[in-house]
N, C-alpha and C. Protein backbone atom coordinates (compact mmCIF):
# COMPACT_ATOMS: atom_id res chain seq x y z
N MET A 1 37.50 67.12 9.23
CA MET A 1 36.26 66.84 9.94
C MET A 1 35.89 65.37 9.73
N SER A 2 35.53 64.70 10.79
CA SER A 2 35.19 63.28 10.68
C SER A 2 33.71 63.12 10.36
N SER A 3 33.41 62.00 9.77
CA SER A 3 32.02 61.74 9.38
C SER A 3 31.19 61.37 10.61
N PRO A 4 29.86 61.55 10.54
CA PRO A 4 29.01 61.21 11.70
C PRO A 4 29.08 59.72 12.03
N ALA A 5 29.25 58.85 11.01
CA ALA A 5 29.31 57.42 11.28
C ALA A 5 30.58 57.08 12.04
N ALA A 6 31.70 57.71 11.65
CA ALA A 6 32.97 57.46 12.34
C ALA A 6 32.90 57.97 13.77
N THR A 7 32.26 59.10 13.96
CA THR A 7 32.12 59.66 15.30
C THR A 7 31.26 58.76 16.16
N LEU A 8 30.19 58.27 15.56
CA LEU A 8 29.28 57.40 16.29
C LEU A 8 29.98 56.12 16.71
N SER A 9 30.74 55.52 15.80
CA SER A 9 31.41 54.27 16.15
C SER A 9 32.51 54.52 17.18
N TRP A 10 33.19 55.67 17.10
CA TRP A 10 34.25 55.96 18.07
C TRP A 10 33.65 56.21 19.44
N ARG A 11 32.51 56.92 19.43
CA ARG A 11 31.87 57.22 20.71
C ARG A 11 31.31 55.95 21.35
N SER A 12 30.69 55.09 20.53
CA SER A 12 30.11 53.88 21.10
C SER A 12 31.21 52.95 21.60
N SER A 13 32.34 52.88 20.91
CA SER A 13 33.42 52.02 21.39
C SER A 13 34.08 52.61 22.62
N SER A 14 34.16 53.95 22.69
CA SER A 14 34.76 54.54 23.88
C SER A 14 33.86 54.36 25.08
N SER A 15 32.54 54.45 24.89
CA SER A 15 31.64 54.25 26.02
C SER A 15 31.69 52.80 26.48
N LEU A 16 31.90 51.86 25.55
CA LEU A 16 32.02 50.44 25.92
C LEU A 16 33.29 50.23 26.73
N LEU A 17 34.37 50.89 26.33
CA LEU A 17 35.63 50.75 27.06
C LEU A 17 35.53 51.37 28.44
N GLN A 18 34.82 52.49 28.53
CA GLN A 18 34.69 53.14 29.83
C GLN A 18 33.84 52.31 30.77
N SER A 19 32.87 51.60 30.24
CA SER A 19 32.04 50.77 31.10
C SER A 19 32.82 49.62 31.70
N PHE A 20 33.91 49.20 31.05
CA PHE A 20 34.76 48.16 31.60
C PHE A 20 35.89 48.75 32.46
N GLY A 21 35.84 50.03 32.67
CA GLY A 21 36.81 50.64 33.56
C GLY A 21 37.99 51.25 32.85
N GLY A 22 38.02 51.21 31.56
CA GLY A 22 39.15 51.77 30.84
C GLY A 22 38.81 53.13 30.28
N CYS A 23 39.77 53.77 29.69
CA CYS A 23 39.60 55.08 29.08
C CYS A 23 40.08 54.96 27.65
N SER A 24 39.57 55.79 26.76
CA SER A 24 39.95 55.68 25.36
C SER A 24 41.40 56.05 25.13
N ASN A 25 41.99 56.87 25.99
CA ASN A 25 43.38 57.29 25.82
C ASN A 25 44.35 56.28 26.43
N GLU A 26 43.93 55.48 27.36
CA GLU A 26 44.81 54.53 28.03
C GLU A 26 44.66 53.14 27.43
N ALA A 27 45.60 52.26 27.78
CA ALA A 27 45.48 50.86 27.36
C ALA A 27 44.31 50.26 28.12
N THR A 28 43.54 49.41 27.45
CA THR A 28 42.34 48.86 28.07
C THR A 28 42.74 47.77 29.06
N LYS A 29 42.39 47.96 30.30
CA LYS A 29 42.65 46.98 31.34
C LYS A 29 41.37 46.78 32.12
N LEU A 30 41.11 45.57 32.45
CA LEU A 30 39.93 45.29 33.24
C LEU A 30 40.33 45.27 34.71
N PRO A 31 39.47 45.78 35.56
CA PRO A 31 39.83 45.79 36.98
C PRO A 31 39.92 44.38 37.54
N ASP A 32 40.85 44.18 38.43
CA ASP A 32 41.08 42.92 39.13
C ASP A 32 41.32 41.75 38.20
N LYS A 33 41.86 42.00 37.06
CA LYS A 33 42.21 40.97 36.06
C LYS A 33 41.04 40.06 35.71
N ARG A 34 39.85 40.56 35.74
CA ARG A 34 38.67 39.80 35.35
C ARG A 34 38.48 39.93 33.84
N THR A 35 37.99 38.88 33.24
CA THR A 35 37.74 38.95 31.81
C THR A 35 36.26 39.22 31.58
N GLY A 36 35.97 39.93 30.52
CA GLY A 36 34.59 40.23 30.18
C GLY A 36 33.96 39.06 29.44
N LEU A 37 32.69 38.83 29.67
CA LEU A 37 31.98 37.73 29.03
C LEU A 37 30.77 38.30 28.31
N LEU A 38 30.77 38.12 27.01
CA LEU A 38 29.63 38.57 26.21
C LEU A 38 28.75 37.38 25.90
N VAL A 39 27.47 37.49 26.08
CA VAL A 39 26.52 36.41 25.84
C VAL A 39 25.66 36.78 24.65
N PHE A 40 25.61 35.88 23.68
CA PHE A 40 24.78 36.09 22.50
C PHE A 40 23.58 35.16 22.56
N ALA A 41 22.47 35.62 22.06
CA ALA A 41 21.27 34.78 22.03
C ALA A 41 21.48 33.68 21.01
N GLN A 42 21.03 32.49 21.34
CA GLN A 42 21.21 31.34 20.45
C GLN A 42 19.85 30.76 20.10
N LYS A 43 19.69 30.39 18.83
CA LYS A 43 18.43 29.79 18.39
C LYS A 43 18.29 28.41 19.01
N LYS A 44 17.06 28.01 19.23
CA LYS A 44 16.82 26.65 19.70
C LYS A 44 17.04 25.69 18.54
N THR A 45 17.55 24.52 18.85
CA THR A 45 17.78 23.53 17.80
C THR A 45 16.47 22.86 17.43
N LYS A 46 16.47 22.25 16.26
CA LYS A 46 15.29 21.52 15.82
C LYS A 46 15.05 20.35 16.76
N LYS A 47 13.81 20.11 17.07
CA LYS A 47 13.50 19.03 17.97
C LYS A 47 13.26 17.72 17.22
N THR A 48 12.99 17.79 15.92
CA THR A 48 12.79 16.57 15.13
C THR A 48 13.69 16.60 13.92
N ARG A 49 13.95 15.41 13.40
CA ARG A 49 14.75 15.25 12.19
C ARG A 49 13.94 14.42 11.20
N LYS A 50 14.01 14.79 9.94
CA LYS A 50 13.37 14.01 8.87
C LYS A 50 14.40 13.00 8.39
N ILE A 51 14.07 11.72 8.53
CA ILE A 51 15.03 10.65 8.22
C ILE A 51 14.42 9.64 7.26
N ILE A 52 15.28 8.80 6.73
CA ILE A 52 14.87 7.63 5.96
C ILE A 52 15.52 6.41 6.61
N LEU A 53 14.73 5.37 6.80
CA LEU A 53 15.24 4.16 7.44
C LEU A 53 16.01 3.30 6.43
N LYS A 54 17.19 2.84 6.84
CA LYS A 54 18.00 1.97 5.99
C LYS A 54 17.65 0.50 6.20
N GLU A 55 16.99 0.20 7.32
CA GLU A 55 16.55 -1.16 7.60
C GLU A 55 15.32 -1.09 8.49
N ASP A 56 14.65 -2.22 8.67
CA ASP A 56 13.46 -2.26 9.51
C ASP A 56 13.84 -2.00 10.96
N VAL A 57 13.06 -1.15 11.64
CA VAL A 57 13.27 -0.87 13.05
C VAL A 57 11.95 -1.18 13.76
N VAL A 58 12.02 -2.05 14.77
CA VAL A 58 10.82 -2.47 15.48
C VAL A 58 10.15 -1.26 16.11
N SER A 59 8.87 -1.18 16.02
CA SER A 59 8.00 -0.13 16.56
C SER A 59 8.29 1.26 15.99
N LEU A 60 9.04 1.33 14.87
CA LEU A 60 9.28 2.62 14.24
C LEU A 60 8.84 2.60 12.78
N GLY A 61 9.35 1.65 12.01
CA GLY A 61 8.96 1.59 10.61
C GLY A 61 9.78 0.59 9.82
N ASN A 62 9.50 0.54 8.51
CA ASN A 62 10.17 -0.40 7.63
C ASN A 62 11.21 0.30 6.78
N LYS A 63 12.07 -0.49 6.17
CA LYS A 63 13.15 0.03 5.33
C LYS A 63 12.57 0.92 4.23
N GLY A 64 13.23 2.08 4.01
CA GLY A 64 12.82 2.99 2.95
C GLY A 64 11.73 3.97 3.34
N GLU A 65 11.25 3.90 4.56
CA GLU A 65 10.17 4.77 5.01
C GLU A 65 10.72 6.13 5.43
N LEU A 66 10.00 7.20 5.08
CA LEU A 66 10.35 8.56 5.51
C LEU A 66 9.62 8.87 6.81
N LEU A 67 10.37 9.31 7.82
CA LEU A 67 9.77 9.57 9.12
C LEU A 67 10.33 10.85 9.73
N ASP A 68 9.59 11.41 10.68
CA ASP A 68 10.09 12.48 11.54
C ASP A 68 10.32 11.85 12.90
N VAL A 69 11.56 11.96 13.40
CA VAL A 69 11.90 11.42 14.72
C VAL A 69 12.56 12.50 15.55
N ARG A 70 12.57 12.31 16.83
CA ARG A 70 13.22 13.27 17.73
C ARG A 70 14.71 13.27 17.45
N ALA A 71 15.30 14.46 17.56
CA ALA A 71 16.71 14.63 17.24
C ALA A 71 17.60 13.75 18.11
N GLY A 72 17.28 13.65 19.39
CA GLY A 72 18.09 12.84 20.30
C GLY A 72 18.03 11.36 19.95
N TYR A 73 16.85 10.86 19.58
CA TYR A 73 16.70 9.46 19.20
C TYR A 73 17.53 9.16 17.95
N TYR A 74 17.50 10.08 17.00
CA TYR A 74 18.31 9.90 15.80
C TYR A 74 19.79 9.93 16.15
N ARG A 75 20.19 10.95 16.89
CA ARG A 75 21.61 11.16 17.21
C ARG A 75 22.18 10.04 18.09
N ASN A 76 21.40 9.55 19.05
CA ASN A 76 21.91 8.59 20.03
C ASN A 76 21.69 7.13 19.66
N PHE A 77 20.69 6.84 18.80
CA PHE A 77 20.43 5.43 18.48
C PHE A 77 20.50 5.13 16.99
N LEU A 78 19.70 5.83 16.19
CA LEU A 78 19.60 5.49 14.78
C LEU A 78 20.90 5.74 14.01
N LEU A 79 21.54 6.86 14.24
CA LEU A 79 22.78 7.19 13.53
C LEU A 79 23.93 6.25 13.90
N PRO A 80 24.23 6.04 15.19
CA PRO A 80 25.36 5.16 15.53
C PRO A 80 25.17 3.71 15.07
N THR A 81 23.93 3.23 15.06
CA THR A 81 23.70 1.85 14.62
C THR A 81 23.56 1.73 13.11
N GLY A 82 23.52 2.86 12.40
CA GLY A 82 23.44 2.84 10.95
C GLY A 82 22.08 2.45 10.42
N LYS A 83 21.04 2.66 11.21
CA LYS A 83 19.70 2.26 10.80
C LYS A 83 18.96 3.34 10.03
N ALA A 84 19.49 4.58 10.05
CA ALA A 84 18.79 5.68 9.37
C ALA A 84 19.78 6.73 8.92
N GLN A 85 19.31 7.60 8.03
CA GLN A 85 20.11 8.74 7.62
C GLN A 85 19.19 9.92 7.37
N ILE A 86 19.76 11.12 7.51
CA ILE A 86 19.00 12.36 7.32
C ILE A 86 18.60 12.47 5.84
N VAL A 87 17.40 12.95 5.61
CA VAL A 87 16.89 13.12 4.26
C VAL A 87 17.46 14.41 3.67
N THR A 88 18.01 14.29 2.47
CA THR A 88 18.52 15.44 1.73
C THR A 88 17.79 15.50 0.39
N PRO A 89 17.81 16.65 -0.28
CA PRO A 89 17.16 16.72 -1.60
C PRO A 89 17.73 15.71 -2.59
N PHE A 90 19.05 15.48 -2.54
CA PHE A 90 19.67 14.51 -3.43
C PHE A 90 19.16 13.10 -3.14
N LEU A 91 19.03 12.78 -1.84
CA LEU A 91 18.54 11.47 -1.44
C LEU A 91 17.08 11.29 -1.87
N LEU A 92 16.28 12.33 -1.75
CA LEU A 92 14.89 12.25 -2.19
C LEU A 92 14.79 12.00 -3.69
N LYS A 93 15.67 12.64 -4.45
CA LYS A 93 15.68 12.44 -5.90
C LYS A 93 16.06 11.01 -6.24
N GLU A 94 17.08 10.48 -5.54
CA GLU A 94 17.48 9.08 -5.76
C GLU A 94 16.35 8.12 -5.41
N MET A 95 15.64 8.40 -4.30
CA MET A 95 14.52 7.54 -3.90
C MET A 95 13.42 7.54 -4.96
N LYS A 96 13.14 8.70 -5.51
CA LYS A 96 12.09 8.80 -6.53
C LYS A 96 12.47 8.00 -7.77
N ILE A 97 13.73 8.11 -8.19
CA ILE A 97 14.21 7.35 -9.35
C ILE A 97 14.12 5.85 -9.08
N GLU A 98 14.51 5.43 -7.87
CA GLU A 98 14.46 4.01 -7.51
C GLU A 98 13.02 3.51 -7.48
N GLU A 99 12.09 4.30 -6.95
CA GLU A 99 10.68 3.90 -6.92
C GLU A 99 10.13 3.74 -8.34
N GLU A 100 10.50 4.66 -9.23
CA GLU A 100 10.04 4.56 -10.62
C GLU A 100 10.61 3.32 -11.29
N ARG A 101 11.88 2.99 -11.00
CA ARG A 101 12.49 1.80 -11.56
C ARG A 101 11.78 0.54 -11.06
N ILE A 102 11.48 0.50 -9.77
CA ILE A 102 10.80 -0.65 -9.19
C ILE A 102 9.40 -0.79 -9.77
N GLU A 103 8.70 0.33 -9.94
CA GLU A 103 7.35 0.29 -10.51
C GLU A 103 7.38 -0.22 -11.96
N ALA A 104 8.36 0.24 -12.73
CA ALA A 104 8.50 -0.22 -14.11
C ALA A 104 8.81 -1.72 -14.15
N GLU A 105 9.63 -2.19 -13.22
CA GLU A 105 9.95 -3.62 -13.14
C GLU A 105 8.71 -4.44 -12.81
N LYS A 106 7.88 -3.95 -11.89
CA LYS A 106 6.64 -4.66 -11.54
C LYS A 106 5.72 -4.77 -12.74
N ILE A 107 5.60 -3.68 -13.50
CA ILE A 107 4.74 -3.70 -14.69
C ILE A 107 5.28 -4.69 -15.72
N ARG A 108 6.62 -4.71 -15.91
CA ARG A 108 7.23 -5.62 -16.87
C ARG A 108 6.98 -7.08 -16.46
N VAL A 109 7.13 -7.39 -15.17
CA VAL A 109 6.92 -8.75 -14.68
C VAL A 109 5.47 -9.17 -14.87
N LYS A 110 4.54 -8.26 -14.61
CA LYS A 110 3.12 -8.58 -14.78
C LYS A 110 2.79 -8.85 -16.24
N GLU A 111 3.32 -8.02 -17.14
CA GLU A 111 3.06 -8.23 -18.58
C GLU A 111 3.65 -9.55 -19.05
N GLU A 112 4.83 -9.89 -18.54
CA GLU A 112 5.45 -11.16 -18.90
C GLU A 112 4.59 -12.33 -18.42
N ALA A 113 4.04 -12.22 -17.21
CA ALA A 113 3.18 -13.26 -16.67
C ALA A 113 1.90 -13.39 -17.49
N GLN A 114 1.35 -12.26 -17.96
CA GLN A 114 0.14 -12.30 -18.78
C GLN A 114 0.41 -13.00 -20.12
N GLN A 115 1.57 -12.73 -20.71
CA GLN A 115 1.93 -13.39 -21.97
C GLN A 115 2.10 -14.89 -21.77
N LEU A 116 2.74 -15.27 -20.66
CA LEU A 116 2.94 -16.68 -20.36
C LEU A 116 1.60 -17.37 -20.12
N ALA A 117 0.68 -16.69 -19.42
CA ALA A 117 -0.64 -17.25 -19.17
C ALA A 117 -1.39 -17.46 -20.48
N LEU A 118 -1.30 -16.50 -21.37
CA LEU A 118 -1.95 -16.62 -22.68
C LEU A 118 -1.38 -17.82 -23.45
N MET A 119 -0.07 -17.99 -23.37
CA MET A 119 0.56 -19.12 -24.06
C MET A 119 0.08 -20.45 -23.47
N PHE A 120 0.00 -20.54 -22.15
CA PHE A 120 -0.45 -21.79 -21.51
C PHE A 120 -1.89 -22.10 -21.85
N GLU A 121 -2.73 -21.07 -21.90
CA GLU A 121 -4.15 -21.29 -22.15
C GLU A 121 -4.45 -21.63 -23.61
N THR A 122 -3.59 -21.19 -24.54
CA THR A 122 -3.84 -21.47 -25.95
C THR A 122 -3.27 -22.81 -26.40
N VAL A 123 -2.48 -23.45 -25.55
CA VAL A 123 -1.89 -24.75 -25.92
C VAL A 123 -2.97 -25.81 -26.09
N GLY A 124 -4.02 -25.73 -25.34
CA GLY A 124 -5.03 -26.77 -25.36
C GLY A 124 -4.88 -27.57 -24.08
N ALA A 125 -5.13 -28.86 -24.17
CA ALA A 125 -5.05 -29.70 -22.97
C ALA A 125 -3.70 -30.40 -22.91
N PHE A 126 -3.15 -30.44 -21.69
CA PHE A 126 -1.93 -31.22 -21.46
C PHE A 126 -2.37 -32.65 -21.17
N LYS A 127 -1.77 -33.60 -21.88
CA LYS A 127 -2.18 -35.00 -21.75
C LYS A 127 -1.29 -35.74 -20.76
N VAL A 128 -1.95 -36.40 -19.81
CA VAL A 128 -1.24 -37.16 -18.78
C VAL A 128 -1.67 -38.62 -18.92
N LYS A 129 -0.69 -39.51 -19.09
CA LYS A 129 -0.98 -40.93 -19.26
C LYS A 129 -0.69 -41.65 -17.94
N ARG A 130 -1.67 -42.46 -17.49
CA ARG A 130 -1.52 -43.23 -16.27
C ARG A 130 -1.99 -44.66 -16.50
N LYS A 131 -1.49 -45.55 -15.65
CA LYS A 131 -1.92 -46.94 -15.71
C LYS A 131 -3.33 -47.04 -15.15
N GLY A 132 -4.22 -47.66 -15.90
CA GLY A 132 -5.63 -47.70 -15.54
C GLY A 132 -5.98 -48.86 -14.64
N GLY A 133 -7.04 -48.68 -13.88
CA GLY A 133 -7.57 -49.72 -13.01
C GLY A 133 -8.98 -50.07 -13.46
N LYS A 134 -9.85 -50.34 -12.51
CA LYS A 134 -11.23 -50.68 -12.82
C LYS A 134 -12.00 -49.44 -13.24
N GLY A 135 -12.71 -49.56 -14.33
CA GLY A 135 -13.53 -48.45 -14.82
C GLY A 135 -12.67 -47.24 -15.16
N LYS A 136 -12.99 -46.11 -14.54
CA LYS A 136 -12.25 -44.88 -14.80
C LYS A 136 -11.08 -44.69 -13.84
N GLN A 137 -10.94 -45.58 -12.89
CA GLN A 137 -9.90 -45.44 -11.87
C GLN A 137 -8.49 -45.52 -12.49
N ILE A 138 -7.55 -44.78 -11.88
CA ILE A 138 -6.14 -44.89 -12.28
C ILE A 138 -5.34 -45.23 -11.03
N PHE A 139 -4.18 -45.81 -11.27
CA PHE A 139 -3.29 -46.12 -10.15
C PHE A 139 -2.51 -44.85 -9.79
N GLY A 140 -2.55 -44.48 -8.51
CA GLY A 140 -1.86 -43.27 -8.05
C GLY A 140 -2.68 -42.03 -8.37
N THR A 141 -2.07 -40.90 -8.17
CA THR A 141 -2.73 -39.63 -8.48
C THR A 141 -1.84 -38.82 -9.41
N VAL A 142 -2.44 -37.83 -10.03
CA VAL A 142 -1.67 -36.89 -10.85
C VAL A 142 -1.29 -35.73 -9.93
N THR A 143 0.00 -35.44 -9.85
CA THR A 143 0.49 -34.41 -8.94
C THR A 143 0.92 -33.15 -9.72
N ALA A 144 1.22 -32.13 -8.97
CA ALA A 144 1.69 -30.88 -9.57
C ALA A 144 3.02 -31.11 -10.29
N GLN A 145 3.87 -31.98 -9.74
CA GLN A 145 5.16 -32.27 -10.37
C GLN A 145 4.96 -32.93 -11.73
N ASP A 146 3.94 -33.78 -11.86
CA ASP A 146 3.64 -34.40 -13.16
C ASP A 146 3.29 -33.33 -14.19
N LEU A 147 2.46 -32.37 -13.80
CA LEU A 147 2.08 -31.30 -14.72
C LEU A 147 3.29 -30.43 -15.08
N VAL A 148 4.15 -30.14 -14.12
CA VAL A 148 5.35 -29.35 -14.38
C VAL A 148 6.26 -30.06 -15.38
N ASP A 149 6.41 -31.36 -15.22
CA ASP A 149 7.25 -32.14 -16.14
C ASP A 149 6.68 -32.13 -17.56
N ILE A 150 5.37 -32.21 -17.69
CA ILE A 150 4.72 -32.21 -19.00
C ILE A 150 4.87 -30.83 -19.66
N ILE A 151 4.70 -29.76 -18.89
CA ILE A 151 4.88 -28.41 -19.43
C ILE A 151 6.30 -28.22 -19.93
N LYS A 152 7.26 -28.71 -19.16
CA LYS A 152 8.67 -28.59 -19.56
C LYS A 152 8.94 -29.38 -20.83
N ALA A 153 8.35 -30.56 -20.94
CA ALA A 153 8.57 -31.39 -22.13
C ALA A 153 7.91 -30.79 -23.37
N GLN A 154 6.70 -30.24 -23.23
CA GLN A 154 5.98 -29.74 -24.40
C GLN A 154 6.37 -28.31 -24.78
N LEU A 155 6.59 -27.44 -23.78
CA LEU A 155 6.81 -26.02 -24.08
C LEU A 155 8.23 -25.52 -23.78
N GLN A 156 9.06 -26.38 -23.22
CA GLN A 156 10.42 -26.00 -22.81
C GLN A 156 10.40 -24.79 -21.87
N ARG A 157 9.45 -24.80 -20.95
CA ARG A 157 9.33 -23.73 -19.95
C ARG A 157 9.48 -24.32 -18.56
N GLU A 158 10.31 -23.67 -17.75
CA GLU A 158 10.46 -24.08 -16.35
C GLU A 158 9.32 -23.45 -15.54
N VAL A 159 8.61 -24.27 -14.79
CA VAL A 159 7.53 -23.80 -13.93
C VAL A 159 7.75 -24.39 -12.55
N ASP A 160 7.61 -23.56 -11.54
CA ASP A 160 7.77 -24.02 -10.16
C ASP A 160 6.50 -24.76 -9.75
N LYS A 161 6.66 -25.93 -9.17
CA LYS A 161 5.48 -26.73 -8.81
C LYS A 161 4.67 -26.09 -7.69
N ARG A 162 5.24 -25.15 -6.94
CA ARG A 162 4.51 -24.50 -5.85
C ARG A 162 3.43 -23.55 -6.37
N ILE A 163 3.51 -23.14 -7.64
CA ILE A 163 2.49 -22.23 -8.17
C ILE A 163 1.33 -23.00 -8.81
N VAL A 164 1.42 -24.32 -8.84
CA VAL A 164 0.40 -25.15 -9.48
C VAL A 164 -0.65 -25.57 -8.45
N GLU A 165 -1.92 -25.26 -8.75
CA GLU A 165 -3.04 -25.73 -7.92
C GLU A 165 -3.82 -26.72 -8.76
N LEU A 166 -3.80 -27.94 -8.30
CA LEU A 166 -4.40 -29.04 -9.05
C LEU A 166 -5.44 -29.74 -8.18
N PRO A 167 -6.62 -30.00 -8.72
CA PRO A 167 -7.58 -30.76 -7.92
C PRO A 167 -7.08 -32.20 -7.74
N GLU A 168 -7.66 -32.90 -6.79
CA GLU A 168 -7.25 -34.29 -6.58
C GLU A 168 -7.75 -35.12 -7.76
N ILE A 169 -6.81 -35.77 -8.43
CA ILE A 169 -7.14 -36.53 -9.64
C ILE A 169 -6.86 -38.01 -9.38
N ARG A 170 -7.95 -38.83 -9.35
CA ARG A 170 -7.80 -40.26 -9.12
C ARG A 170 -8.46 -41.10 -10.22
N GLU A 171 -9.02 -40.42 -11.22
CA GLU A 171 -9.62 -41.17 -12.33
C GLU A 171 -9.44 -40.39 -13.63
N THR A 172 -9.71 -41.05 -14.74
CA THR A 172 -9.51 -40.43 -16.05
C THR A 172 -10.55 -39.33 -16.27
N GLY A 173 -10.22 -38.41 -17.16
CA GLY A 173 -11.14 -37.32 -17.49
C GLY A 173 -10.36 -36.03 -17.71
N GLU A 174 -11.12 -34.94 -17.88
CA GLU A 174 -10.49 -33.64 -18.10
C GLU A 174 -10.68 -32.78 -16.85
N TYR A 175 -9.59 -32.16 -16.43
CA TYR A 175 -9.57 -31.33 -15.22
C TYR A 175 -8.98 -29.96 -15.57
N VAL A 176 -9.21 -29.02 -14.68
CA VAL A 176 -8.64 -27.68 -14.85
C VAL A 176 -7.66 -27.42 -13.71
N ALA A 177 -6.44 -27.05 -14.09
CA ALA A 177 -5.41 -26.69 -13.12
C ALA A 177 -5.16 -25.19 -13.22
N GLU A 178 -4.77 -24.59 -12.12
CA GLU A 178 -4.47 -23.16 -12.12
C GLU A 178 -2.99 -22.96 -11.82
N LEU A 179 -2.37 -22.09 -12.60
CA LEU A 179 -0.97 -21.72 -12.39
C LEU A 179 -0.95 -20.27 -11.94
N LYS A 180 -0.53 -20.03 -10.72
CA LYS A 180 -0.47 -18.67 -10.15
C LYS A 180 0.86 -18.05 -10.56
N LEU A 181 0.88 -17.41 -11.74
CA LEU A 181 2.11 -16.86 -12.31
C LEU A 181 2.50 -15.53 -11.68
N HIS A 182 1.52 -14.80 -11.14
CA HIS A 182 1.74 -13.47 -10.58
C HIS A 182 0.59 -13.26 -9.60
N PRO A 183 0.76 -12.40 -8.59
CA PRO A 183 -0.36 -12.18 -7.67
C PRO A 183 -1.66 -11.75 -8.36
N GLU A 184 -1.55 -11.14 -9.54
CA GLU A 184 -2.75 -10.70 -10.26
C GLU A 184 -3.02 -11.49 -11.53
N VAL A 185 -2.18 -12.49 -11.85
CA VAL A 185 -2.33 -13.25 -13.09
C VAL A 185 -2.35 -14.74 -12.77
N THR A 186 -3.45 -15.39 -13.16
CA THR A 186 -3.59 -16.83 -12.99
C THR A 186 -3.94 -17.45 -14.33
N ALA A 187 -3.18 -18.48 -14.72
CA ALA A 187 -3.46 -19.18 -15.97
C ALA A 187 -4.25 -20.44 -15.65
N ARG A 188 -5.32 -20.65 -16.40
CA ARG A 188 -6.11 -21.88 -16.24
C ARG A 188 -5.80 -22.80 -17.40
N VAL A 189 -5.25 -23.97 -17.08
CA VAL A 189 -4.89 -24.93 -18.12
C VAL A 189 -5.71 -26.21 -17.95
N ARG A 190 -5.96 -26.86 -19.07
CA ARG A 190 -6.72 -28.12 -19.04
C ARG A 190 -5.75 -29.29 -18.97
N VAL A 191 -6.10 -30.25 -18.15
CA VAL A 191 -5.30 -31.46 -17.99
C VAL A 191 -6.18 -32.65 -18.38
N ASN A 192 -5.76 -33.37 -19.41
CA ASN A 192 -6.54 -34.51 -19.89
C ASN A 192 -5.85 -35.80 -19.42
N VAL A 193 -6.47 -36.50 -18.49
CA VAL A 193 -5.91 -37.72 -17.93
C VAL A 193 -6.55 -38.92 -18.62
N TYR A 194 -5.70 -39.81 -19.15
CA TYR A 194 -6.23 -41.01 -19.81
C TYR A 194 -5.41 -42.23 -19.39
N ALA A 195 -6.03 -43.38 -19.49
CA ALA A 195 -5.38 -44.62 -19.08
C ALA A 195 -4.81 -45.32 -20.29
N ASN A 196 -3.68 -46.01 -20.08
CA ASN A 196 -3.09 -46.76 -21.20
C ASN A 196 -3.44 -48.22 -21.11
């Protein structure tokens, strides 16, 4: 005696064969040599893709930005040009590690700038000697390059002259110069100009 499941499957397969014109006892042949076509339902594809930009893209975003874009735009433009890649969990983990490293580097640079500012401010006044004229007047002016040279001579520190903000100095006296060491750290140093 056969099981009900075996009977059910045999009956359903025989009814399928009969619907195509065949019989369970005969070899299955389709009438007029036509082939049967079975159609399966297919899910719709995702319309957007979550991507990360590898470089700046005009009117879309900047490098490293996470975005949702249309699948066709990604497939037809961003992927072939190498401007973006699909976000994966591994890639997200790498991005998080890189962001933490960059943040730690920013903190280290700021602390270094604060220490340098403290050192510049505790030195006292940097002395600049110029040839004197009438009264308090001096010949020429004291420039940012002059201050940079004096810092290098006294402290053995290289300073870029573009970070030095110096008032216009045309006579002897004490002035305050600012050194922009970091966007959030500015050192104020005293400059003592005297005539020889």
